[in-house]
């Protein structure tokens, strides 16, 4: 099937849908997530495939209850990362539309029908839903949610160049045509898939009406661990797609520039410290580092105020603090990634998505 063919999922009646949920240490939200998926059943051919990928919490017990009720089909994963788990679910899928939902994403009513409708447009290979921020969440989770919503606002729906997994629908034939998700990648496999689909001629679309709630990190430790993984994985993406060094529609150039500038500031700070230790004057590099950090903070403050005005959520005013911390996490990821590349160590999914303990699962939405 070519991207421009008229053979679209909804051409001959309601498209059958397979929903793939990769599961590892997701007990906390898993039951609620599966219930929200089951509530999407509108009479079309429909199945839920959960790929149990070596959980150490009670996730397997939760899945057994749903499997016993014949509402979820459970597939054993090979513990080789999220991309491999999704591929296992795609291989087991029976229907021409693959919806991929993460174990911490709760779907709102109508999510599936709206995404499938978007997917039926000519040439569309993938469609992404919209993560809405839960106003009852804690302030750190709302910072993450509002940041993503502010970036979504730039898209205004319609075509995009990046579809985030966890909240998306794909044409199964499109996934097969480009060879599935790259199982060597950790965070960033969704970017890689989006870029390969676009290169193959498929359209990618954003569907703001297909809403869901992502259960974001609620602790600094979890947030910084996630952002380290995001930064590390982004480097793997850029290594494969050099022309994407400036980001994409969901992660635009200013966001990509932040960690590079923070790296400069850290290097200047270390230079100032070294000068001081050697009895030299380190004022110039220290002042330059301060100026760079101040410029980053001001940029985030401006975006935060704009986001506050758009959504009326005071959590956005914390953007400078939280995002400078994000920049430092990405800077650490850059240092480790470069060290591994220089030592010629092969990249593995665990390098960016290695923390798999309950409650610290790494997200793929950046």
Protein backbone atom coordinates (compact mmCIF):
# COMPACT_ATOMS: atom_id res chain seq x y z
CA UNK A 1 0.00 0.00 0.00
CA UNK A 2 1.45 3.38 -0.97
CA UNK A 3 0.94 6.58 1.06
CA UNK A 4 -1.16 8.08 -1.72
CA UNK A 5 -3.38 5.09 -2.39
CA UNK A 6 -7.09 5.28 -1.75
CA UNK A 7 -7.00 2.25 0.52
CA UNK A 8 -7.56 4.01 3.85
CA UNK A 9 -8.66 2.29 7.08
CA UNK A 10 -12.22 3.58 7.03
CA UNK A 11 -12.83 3.15 3.29
CA UNK A 12 -14.98 0.02 3.67
CA UNK A 13 -16.68 0.55 7.02
CA UNK A 14 -15.29 1.02 10.52
CA UNK A 15 -11.61 0.16 10.71
CA UNK A 16 -10.61 -2.60 13.08
CA UNK A 17 -8.30 -1.35 15.84
CA UNK A 18 -5.61 -3.10 17.86
CA UNK A 19 -4.48 -1.16 20.94
CA UNK A 20 -0.92 -2.01 22.03
CA UNK A 21 0.09 -1.26 25.62
CA UNK A 22 3.72 -2.00 26.59
CA UNK A 23 3.82 -2.76 30.32
CA UNK A 24 6.70 -2.75 32.75
CA UNK A 25 6.28 -1.77 36.40
CA UNK A 26 3.08 0.12 35.64
CA UNK A 27 0.84 -1.26 38.39
CA UNK A 28 -0.10 2.14 39.83
CA UNK A 29 -2.19 3.30 36.86
CA UNK A 30 -2.54 0.17 34.75
CA UNK A 31 -6.09 -0.79 35.73
CA UNK A 32 -7.40 2.73 35.18
CA UNK A 33 -5.60 2.90 31.83
CA UNK A 34 -7.03 -0.40 30.61
CA UNK A 35 -10.54 0.60 31.72
CA UNK A 36 -10.22 3.85 29.77
CA UNK A 37 -9.21 1.87 26.67
CA UNK A 38 -12.08 -0.59 27.07
CA UNK A 39 -14.45 2.37 27.27
CA UNK A 40 -13.37 3.35 23.72
CA UNK A 41 -15.04 0.24 22.25
CA UNK A 42 -17.69 1.58 19.87
CA UNK A 43 -18.64 -1.67 18.14
CA UNK A 44 -15.88 -1.80 15.54
CA UNK A 45 -13.49 -4.82 15.51
CA UNK A 46 -11.36 -4.11 18.56
CA UNK A 47 -8.68 -5.74 20.70
CA UNK A 48 -6.26 -4.75 23.44
CA UNK A 49 -2.80 -6.33 23.43
CA UNK A 50 -0.71 -5.80 26.56
CA UNK A 51 2.98 -6.68 26.23
CA UNK A 52 4.22 -7.66 29.70
CA UNK A 53 7.92 -6.85 29.57
CA UNK A 54 9.32 -8.18 32.84
CA UNK A 55 7.55 -6.17 35.53
CA UNK A 56 8.80 -6.43 39.09
CA UNK A 57 5.68 -4.96 40.68
CA UNK A 58 2.10 -6.22 40.52
CA UNK A 59 1.51 -5.40 36.85
CA UNK A 60 1.40 -9.05 35.80
CA UNK A 61 -1.34 -9.73 38.37
CA UNK A 62 -3.39 -6.82 37.04
CA UNK A 63 -3.04 -8.15 33.50
CA UNK A 64 -4.05 -11.65 34.55
CA UNK A 65 -7.36 -10.31 35.86
CA UNK A 66 -8.15 -8.63 32.55
CA UNK A 67 -6.95 -11.66 30.59
CA UNK A 68 -9.22 -13.91 32.66
CA UNK A 69 -12.14 -11.66 31.77
CA UNK A 70 -11.20 -12.00 28.08
CA UNK A 71 -10.87 -8.22 27.68
CA UNK A 72 -7.09 -8.06 27.20
CA UNK A 73 -4.69 -10.34 25.35
CA UNK A 74 -1.31 -10.57 27.08
CA UNK A 75 1.88 -11.12 25.11
CA UNK A 76 5.22 -11.83 26.77
CA UNK A 77 7.88 -9.26 25.96
CA UNK A 78 11.56 -10.03 25.56
CA UNK A 79 12.81 -7.37 28.02
CA UNK A 80 14.75 -5.55 25.32
CA UNK A 81 13.19 -2.11 25.74
CA UNK A 82 10.00 -0.26 24.93
CA UNK A 83 10.48 -0.23 21.15
CA UNK A 84 10.89 -4.01 21.09
CA UNK A 85 7.80 -4.41 23.29
CA UNK A 86 5.72 -2.26 20.94
CA UNK A 87 6.97 -4.22 17.93
CA UNK A 88 5.92 -7.44 19.65
CA UNK A 89 2.43 -6.02 20.10
CA UNK A 90 2.28 -4.85 16.49
CA UNK A 91 3.27 -8.32 15.26
CA UNK A 92 0.45 -9.84 17.31
CA UNK A 93 -2.14 -7.30 16.13
CA UNK A 94 -5.01 -8.45 13.94
CA UNK A 95 -6.31 -5.10 12.69
CA UNK A 96 -5.18 -2.45 10.17
CA UNK A 97 -5.04 0.36 12.74
CA UNK A 98 -2.58 0.20 15.64
CA UNK A 99 -3.21 2.50 18.59
CA UNK A 100 -0.30 2.70 21.00
CA UNK A 101 -1.14 3.73 24.56
CA UNK A 102 1.34 3.96 27.43
CA UNK A 103 0.69 2.37 30.80
CA UNK A 104 0.30 5.79 32.44
CA UNK A 105 -1.99 7.46 29.87
CA UNK A 106 -5.71 7.64 30.66
CA UNK A 107 -7.88 8.16 27.59
CA UNK A 108 -10.84 10.53 27.51
CA UNK A 109 -14.12 9.41 25.89
CA UNK A 110 -14.02 9.54 22.10
CA UNK A 111 -10.22 9.39 21.86
CA UNK A 112 -10.10 6.34 19.62
CA UNK A 113 -12.89 7.36 17.24
CA UNK A 114 -11.33 10.79 16.69
CA UNK A 115 -7.84 9.43 16.03
CA UNK A 116 -9.10 6.76 13.63
CA UNK A 117 -11.06 9.43 11.75
CA UNK A 118 -7.88 11.53 11.45
CA UNK A 119 -5.98 8.46 10.27
CA UNK A 120 -8.47 7.87 7.46
CA UNK A 121 -7.49 11.09 5.68
CA UNK A 122 -5.50 10.62 2.44
CA UNK A 123 -1.86 9.73 2.92
CA UNK A 124 -1.89 9.82 6.74
CA UNK A 125 0.35 7.21 8.33
CA UNK A 126 0.12 8.31 11.97
CA UNK A 127 -2.05 10.55 14.14
CA UNK A 128 -1.32 11.86 17.61
CA UNK A 129 -3.75 12.77 20.37
CA UNK A 130 -3.50 15.66 22.82
CA UNK A 131 -2.22 15.37 26.38
CA UNK A 132 -4.35 17.70 28.47
CA UNK A 133 -3.16 18.83 31.88
CA UNK A 134 -5.11 17.65 34.91
CA UNK A 135 -5.64 20.76 37.09
CA UNK A 136 -5.73 18.51 40.16
CA UNK A 137 -2.14 17.36 39.60
CA UNK A 138 0.73 18.66 41.70
CA UNK A 139 2.67 21.70 40.55
CA UNK A 140 5.62 19.79 39.04
CA UNK A 141 3.36 17.55 36.97
CA UNK A 142 1.45 20.64 35.81
CA UNK A 143 4.70 22.32 34.78
CA UNK A 144 5.41 19.36 32.50
CA UNK A 145 1.86 19.29 31.19
CA UNK A 146 1.63 23.02 30.49
CA UNK A 147 5.06 23.02 28.83
CA UNK A 148 3.87 20.36 26.39
CA UNK A 149 0.55 22.12 25.82
CA UNK A 150 2.40 25.36 25.06
CA UNK A 151 4.41 23.51 22.42
CA UNK A 152 1.26 21.88 21.04
CA UNK A 153 -0.29 25.34 20.68
CA UNK A 154 2.28 26.15 18.00
CA UNK A 155 0.91 23.32 15.85
CA UNK A 156 -2.74 24.42 15.80
CA UNK A 157 -3.69 20.86 14.84
CA UNK A 158 -3.11 19.60 11.31
CA UNK A 159 0.13 18.23 9.90
CA UNK A 160 3.21 17.75 12.06
CA UNK A 161 6.59 16.08 11.74
CA UNK A 162 6.59 14.22 15.07
CA UNK A 163 3.98 11.88 16.48
CA UNK A 164 4.64 10.90 20.10
CA UNK A 165 3.99 7.29 21.00
CA UNK A 166 1.86 6.57 24.04
CA UNK A 167 -1.04 8.59 22.69
CA UNK A 168 -1.14 7.78 18.98
CA UNK A 169 -2.62 5.73 16.13
CA UNK A 170 -0.70 4.24 13.19
CA UNK A 171 -1.64 2.50 10.01
CA UNK A 172 -0.25 -1.00 10.49
CA UNK A 173 0.87 -1.11 6.86
CA UNK A 174 2.83 2.12 7.33
CA UNK A 175 4.69 0.63 10.30
CA UNK A 176 5.48 -2.50 8.32
CA UNK A 177 6.60 -0.50 5.29
CA UNK A 178 9.30 1.32 7.27
CA UNK A 179 10.39 -1.77 9.20
CA UNK A 180 8.84 -1.13 12.61
CA UNK A 181 10.35 0.71 15.56
CA UNK A 182 14.12 0.71 15.93
CA UNK A 183 14.76 -1.67 18.82
CA UNK A 184 18.28 -0.37 19.36
CA UNK A 185 16.89 2.94 20.58
CA UNK A 186 15.63 3.95 23.99
CA UNK A 187 13.99 7.34 24.30
CA UNK A 188 13.58 8.83 20.84
CA UNK A 189 12.25 5.78 19.02
CA UNK A 190 9.05 7.72 18.35
CA UNK A 191 11.01 10.61 16.80
CA UNK A 192 12.90 8.11 14.66
CA UNK A 193 9.67 6.44 13.54
CA UNK A 194 8.08 9.80 12.71
CA UNK A 195 11.03 10.87 10.59
CA UNK A 196 11.11 7.54 8.73
CA UNK A 197 7.37 7.66 8.05
CA UNK A 198 7.72 11.19 6.68
CA UNK A 199 10.65 10.12 4.51
CA UNK A 200 8.49 7.30 3.14
CA UNK A 201 5.87 9.83 2.07
CA UNK A 202 3.31 9.45 4.84
CA UNK A 203 1.59 12.42 6.44
CA UNK A 204 1.61 12.81 10.23
CA UNK A 205 -1.21 14.72 11.89
CA UNK A 206 -2.09 16.16 15.28
CA UNK A 207 -5.64 15.62 16.52
CA UNK A 208 -6.31 18.07 19.40
CA UNK A 209 -9.82 16.69 19.95
CA UNK A 210 -8.48 13.24 20.91
CA UNK A 211 -7.55 14.02 24.51
CA UNK A 212 -5.96 12.02 27.29
CA UNK A 213 -4.28 12.59 30.65
CA UNK A 214 -0.64 11.65 31.14
CA UNK A 215 0.35 10.84 34.70
CA UNK A 216 3.53 12.87 34.85
CA UNK A 217 6.37 12.73 37.35
CA UNK A 218 5.60 14.11 40.78
CA UNK A 219 9.10 14.24 42.30
CA UNK A 220 12.31 16.04 41.44
CA UNK A 221 14.20 12.77 41.41
CA UNK A 222 11.82 11.20 38.93
CA UNK A 223 11.72 14.30 36.77
CA UNK A 224 15.49 14.67 36.54
CA UNK A 225 15.92 10.95 35.81
CA UNK A 226 13.38 11.27 33.02
CA UNK A 227 15.01 14.35 31.56
CA UNK A 228 18.45 12.74 31.60
CA UNK A 229 16.94 9.96 29.49
CA UNK A 230 15.22 12.44 27.19
CA UNK A 231 18.48 14.29 26.58
CA UNK A 232 20.48 11.11 26.05
CA UNK A 233 17.94 9.66 23.65
CA UNK A 234 17.73 12.90 21.70
CA UNK A 235 21.43 12.58 20.90
CA UNK A 236 20.84 9.07 19.55
CA UNK A 237 18.10 10.53 17.34
CA UNK A 238 20.30 13.32 16.02
CA UNK A 239 23.12 10.83 15.35
CA UNK A 240 20.72 8.96 13.05
CA UNK A 241 19.00 12.03 11.58
CA UNK A 242 21.66 14.74 11.40
CA UNK A 243 19.35 17.26 9.76
CA UNK A 244 17.14 17.14 12.87
CA UNK A 245 19.70 18.78 15.13
CA UNK A 246 17.36 21.79 15.45
CA UNK A 247 14.45 19.62 16.63
CA UNK A 248 10.97 19.28 15.23
CA UNK A 249 7.46 20.66 15.68
CA UNK A 250 7.03 19.19 19.18
CA UNK A 251 10.59 19.92 20.34
CA UNK A 252 11.43 23.18 18.53
CA UNK A 253 14.82 24.86 18.05
CA UNK A 254 14.74 26.98 21.26
CA UNK A 255 14.22 23.84 23.34
CA UNK A 256 17.09 22.11 21.54
CA UNK A 257 19.37 25.14 22.00
CA UNK A 258 18.89 25.24 25.77
CA UNK A 259 21.10 22.26 26.73
CA UNK A 260 23.82 23.33 24.28
CA UNK A 261 23.94 26.79 25.86
CA UNK A 262 23.83 25.31 29.36
CA UNK A 263 26.79 23.13 28.38
CA UNK A 264 28.65 26.30 27.39
CA UNK A 265 27.75 27.87 30.75
CA UNK A 266 28.98 24.81 32.65
CA UNK A 267 32.24 24.81 30.66
CA UNK A 268 32.75 28.52 31.40
CA UNK A 269 32.05 27.92 35.08
CA UNK A 270 34.63 25.14 35.19
CA UNK A 271 37.11 27.39 33.42
CA UNK A 272 36.51 30.10 36.02
CA UNK A 273 37.01 27.58 38.82
CA UNK A 274 40.22 26.29 37.26
CA UNK A 275 41.52 29.84 36.90
CA UNK A 276 40.79 30.49 40.56
CA UNK A 277 42.59 27.31 41.62
CA UNK A 278 45.60 28.37 39.58
CA UNK A 279 45.59 31.84 41.14
CA UNK A 280 44.36 33.52 37.95
CA UNK A 281 41.46 35.89 37.44
CA UNK A 282 38.37 33.87 36.48
CA UNK A 283 35.96 36.80 36.48
CA UNK A 284 35.45 36.93 32.72
CA UNK A 285 34.36 33.29 32.20
CA UNK A 286 32.30 33.47 35.43
CA UNK A 287 30.46 36.55 34.20
CA UNK A 288 29.96 34.97 30.78
CA UNK A 289 28.50 31.83 32.38
CA UNK A 290 26.17 33.94 34.51
CA UNK A 291 25.04 35.87 31.43
CA UNK A 292 24.23 32.66 29.54
CA UNK A 293 22.22 31.20 32.43
CA UNK A 294 20.42 34.51 32.92
CA UNK A 295 19.48 34.60 29.24
CA UNK A 296 18.11 31.04 29.43
CA UNK A 297 16.11 31.93 32.56
CA UNK A 298 14.66 35.06 30.94
CA UNK A 299 13.59 33.12 27.84
CA UNK A 300 11.85 30.52 30.00
CA UNK A 301 10.23 33.26 32.11
CA UNK A 302 8.78 34.90 29.00
CA UNK A 303 7.40 31.57 27.77
CA UNK A 304 6.10 30.79 31.26
CA UNK A 305 4.22 34.09 31.52
CA UNK A 306 2.72 33.52 28.07
CA UNK A 307 1.67 30.01 29.06
CA UNK A 308 0.16 31.32 32.29
CA UNK A 309 -1.87 33.84 30.33
CA UNK A 310 -3.05 31.16 27.90
CA UNK A 311 -4.04 28.52 30.45
CA UNK A 312 -4.44 30.46 33.69
CA UNK A 313 -2.21 27.97 35.53
CA UNK A 314 0.36 29.51 37.88
CA UNK A 315 2.49 26.36 37.62
CA UNK A 316 3.79 27.79 34.32
CA UNK A 317 5.56 30.53 36.27
CA UNK A 318 7.94 27.82 37.54
CA UNK A 319 9.27 27.25 34.00
CA UNK A 320 12.61 29.04 34.64
CA UNK A 321 13.48 26.92 37.69
CA UNK A 322 12.27 23.58 36.35
CA UNK A 323 13.62 24.02 32.85
CA UNK A 324 17.06 25.15 33.98
CA UNK A 325 17.17 21.94 36.01
CA UNK A 326 16.13 20.12 32.82
CA UNK A 327 18.99 21.79 30.98
CA UNK A 328 21.47 20.53 33.58
CA UNK A 329 20.09 16.97 33.27
CA UNK A 330 20.47 17.17 29.49
CA UNK A 331 24.01 18.53 29.93
CA UNK A 332 24.91 15.50 32.04
CA UNK A 333 23.41 13.27 29.35
CA UNK A 334 25.52 14.99 26.68
CA UNK A 335 28.68 14.36 28.68
CA UNK A 336 27.92 10.66 29.23
CA UNK A 337 26.76 10.13 25.64
CA UNK A 338 29.92 11.72 24.24
CA UNK A 339 32.10 9.64 26.58
CA UNK A 340 30.43 6.45 25.40
CA UNK A 341 30.77 7.43 21.74
CA UNK A 342 34.45 8.24 22.18
CA UNK A 343 35.02 4.86 23.80
CA UNK A 344 33.07 3.24 20.92
CA UNK A 345 30.59 1.58 23.24
CA UNK A 346 27.42 0.53 21.36
CA UNK A 347 24.22 2.38 22.22
CA UNK A 348 21.56 0.39 24.07
CA UNK A 349 17.94 1.26 25.01
CA UNK A 350 18.83 1.05 28.70
CA UNK A 351 21.24 3.98 28.35
CA UNK A 352 18.32 6.40 28.12
CA UNK A 353 15.48 4.33 29.59
CA UNK A 354 17.36 2.37 32.19
CA UNK A 355 15.46 3.27 35.38
CA UNK A 356 12.62 0.75 35.44
CA UNK A 357 11.71 0.67 39.11
CA UNK A 358 8.03 1.15 40.04
CA UNK A 359 6.98 4.75 39.78
CA UNK A 360 10.04 5.86 37.82
CA UNK A 361 9.19 4.72 34.32
CA UNK A 362 10.73 6.94 31.67
CA UNK A 363 8.25 8.77 29.48
CA UNK A 364 8.44 9.16 25.66
CA UNK A 365 6.74 12.51 25.24
CA UNK A 366 9.69 14.67 26.10
